[in-house]
Amino acid sequence: MLDFATLAFSGKPNQYLITPEGFPCAAKAHRQSPVFNASVEELEEALLQIIAGQPRTEIEKNNGQTKVIQRSALFRFPDTAIIQVVDMSDGKASAAIFSTAKYGRRDFGVNKKRVDGWMAALEKAL
C-alpha cells in the first residue's frame, strides 16, 4: 500500500503525517505519534472501532496496513488515510498515519483534525 520509508510530500498543504519516534519514514512527520500501553492488536482494534463509528467512512485492511477513505459531507470528496500500527516493545504500540486529500490544494486542516481526533479518542479509550 504505502512505503513510509520512501514517502514524499506532494508540496500541497492538504497532507498530515504522524509517526512514532524512530519509525523509518522519509518525510518529516508533522508531529510524533503517542505510544500506548497496548499491544499492536489492541491498539489496532481500538483505532478501527473509533474510525468505524465515523460517517462516510470505508475501511480496507491490506498487508499490515489499513486504508481509510472518508468522504466530505457536501461534495463527497475522498480523503485517504494509511495507517500502520507499530510494535514499540514491552507491550506498547503506536501508529504511523498519513492522511491526504485526493482533490484540491487545501484541506482547511481537515486531515490534521481527523488524525489528531483519532489520537485523542485513543488516549481516552486506552
Protein backbone atom coordinates (compact mmCIF):
# COMPACT_ATOMS: atom_id res chain seq x y z
CA MET A 1 0.00 0.00 0.00
CA LEU A 2 2.28 2.79 1.23
CA ASP A 3 6.02 2.57 1.79
CA PHE A 4 6.60 5.08 4.58
CA ALA A 5 10.37 4.70 4.08
CA THR A 6 10.07 6.42 0.69
CA LEU A 7 7.12 8.74 1.40
CA ALA A 8 7.50 12.24 -0.05
CA PHE A 9 5.04 15.08 0.39
CA SER A 10 3.47 16.47 -2.78
CA GLY A 11 4.05 20.08 -1.73
CA LYS A 12 0.34 20.70 -1.24
CA PRO A 13 -0.81 21.73 2.26
CA ASN A 14 -3.53 19.05 2.29
CA GLN A 15 -1.45 16.29 3.90
CA TYR A 16 -0.79 15.33 7.51
CA LEU A 17 1.66 12.77 8.89
CA ILE A 18 2.33 11.40 12.35
CA THR A 19 4.92 8.75 13.16
CA PRO A 20 6.30 7.22 16.34
CA GLU A 21 9.82 8.10 17.40
CA GLY A 22 12.39 6.10 15.43
CA PHE A 23 9.92 4.99 12.75
CA PRO A 24 11.63 4.78 9.32
CA CYS A 25 9.93 7.44 7.23
CA ALA A 26 11.46 9.62 4.52
CA ALA A 27 9.05 12.51 5.11
CA LYS A 28 9.31 14.55 8.29
CA ALA A 29 6.24 13.99 10.45
CA HIS A 30 4.10 16.94 11.46
CA ARG A 31 4.09 15.53 14.97
CA GLN A 32 5.15 12.46 16.89
CA SER A 33 2.56 9.76 17.42
CA PRO A 34 1.81 8.87 21.05
CA VAL A 35 2.84 5.49 22.44
CA PHE A 36 0.04 3.49 24.06
CA ASN A 37 0.15 0.82 26.77
CA ALA A 38 -1.46 -1.69 24.43
CA SER A 39 -0.39 -4.47 22.11
CA VAL A 40 -0.42 -3.94 18.35
CA GLU A 41 -3.65 -5.94 18.15
CA GLU A 42 -5.33 -3.98 20.96
CA LEU A 43 -4.33 -0.62 19.50
CA GLU A 44 -5.45 -1.59 16.00
CA GLU A 45 -8.80 -2.88 17.28
CA ALA A 46 -9.44 0.27 19.33
CA LEU A 47 -8.46 2.56 16.46
CA LEU A 48 -10.62 0.72 13.94
CA GLN A 49 -13.57 0.89 16.34
CA ILE A 50 -13.17 4.66 16.57
CA ILE A 51 -12.88 5.04 12.80
CA ALA A 52 -15.78 2.70 12.03
CA GLY A 53 -18.07 4.94 14.09
CA GLN A 54 -17.44 7.95 11.84
CA PRO A 55 -19.72 8.91 8.95
CA ARG A 56 -18.96 8.32 5.26
CA THR A 57 -16.02 6.06 6.04
CA GLU A 58 -14.72 2.93 4.33
CA ILE A 59 -12.04 0.71 5.87
CA GLU A 60 -9.82 -1.72 3.95
CA LYS A 61 -7.09 -3.85 5.57
CA ASN A 62 -4.18 -4.97 3.42
CA ASN A 63 -0.68 -6.34 4.17
CA GLY A 64 -0.30 -4.95 7.70
CA GLN A 65 -1.74 -1.56 6.84
CA THR A 66 -5.23 -0.11 6.95
CA LYS A 67 -6.58 2.23 4.29
CA VAL A 68 -9.36 4.56 5.38
CA ILE A 69 -11.38 6.59 2.90
CA GLN A 70 -13.55 9.28 4.43
CA ARG A 71 -15.71 11.48 2.21
CA SER A 72 -16.70 15.09 2.80
CA ALA A 73 -20.34 15.69 3.70
CA LEU A 74 -21.24 18.15 0.97
CA PHE A 75 -19.37 17.15 -2.18
CA ARG A 76 -18.29 13.64 -1.06
CA PHE A 77 -14.61 14.34 -1.90
CA PRO A 78 -12.45 11.45 -0.66
CA ASP A 79 -9.61 11.85 1.82
CA THR A 80 -7.38 8.82 2.30
CA ALA A 81 -5.51 7.81 5.43
CA ILE A 82 -2.98 4.99 5.54
CA ILE A 83 -2.38 3.55 9.00
CA GLN A 84 0.38 1.23 10.13
CA VAL A 85 0.32 0.13 13.77
CA VAL A 86 3.82 -0.26 15.15
CA ASP A 87 5.14 -2.52 17.92
CA MET A 88 7.13 -0.35 20.34
CA SER A 89 8.16 -3.37 22.50
CA ASP A 90 7.35 -4.07 26.16
CA GLY A 91 3.62 -4.36 25.42
CA LYS A 92 3.38 -0.90 23.87
CA ALA A 93 2.31 0.21 20.41
CA SER A 94 1.95 3.33 18.32
CA ALA A 95 0.78 4.21 14.82
CA ALA A 96 2.15 5.87 11.72
CA ILE A 97 -0.65 7.67 9.88
CA PHE A 98 -0.54 9.58 6.61
CA SER A 99 -3.77 11.38 5.71
CA THR A 100 -4.25 13.32 2.49
CA ALA A 101 -6.93 14.90 0.34
CA LYS A 102 -7.25 13.42 -3.12
CA TYR A 103 -8.52 16.59 -4.79
CA GLY A 104 -7.67 20.23 -4.42
CA ARG A 105 -4.75 22.03 -2.90
CA ARG A 106 -6.02 22.95 0.55
CA ASP A 107 -7.99 20.93 3.03
CA PHE A 108 -8.53 23.67 5.66
CA GLY A 109 -6.94 21.46 8.32
CA VAL A 110 -9.34 18.55 7.89
CA ASN A 111 -6.65 15.85 7.70
CA LYS A 112 -4.86 17.18 10.80
CA LYS A 113 -8.14 17.43 12.70
CA ARG A 114 -9.08 13.88 11.69
CA VAL A 115 -5.81 12.25 12.75
CA ASP A 116 -5.45 14.29 15.95
CA GLY A 117 -9.07 13.42 16.78
CA TRP A 118 -8.35 9.71 16.38
CA MET A 119 -5.32 10.03 18.69
CA ALA A 120 -7.32 11.95 21.31
CA ALA A 121 -10.07 9.30 21.21
CA LEU A 122 -7.45 6.54 21.59
CA GLU A 123 -5.90 8.28 24.58
CA LYS A 124 -9.33 8.24 26.26
CA ALA A 125 -10.07 4.63 25.26
CA LEU A 126 -6.77 3.02 26.26
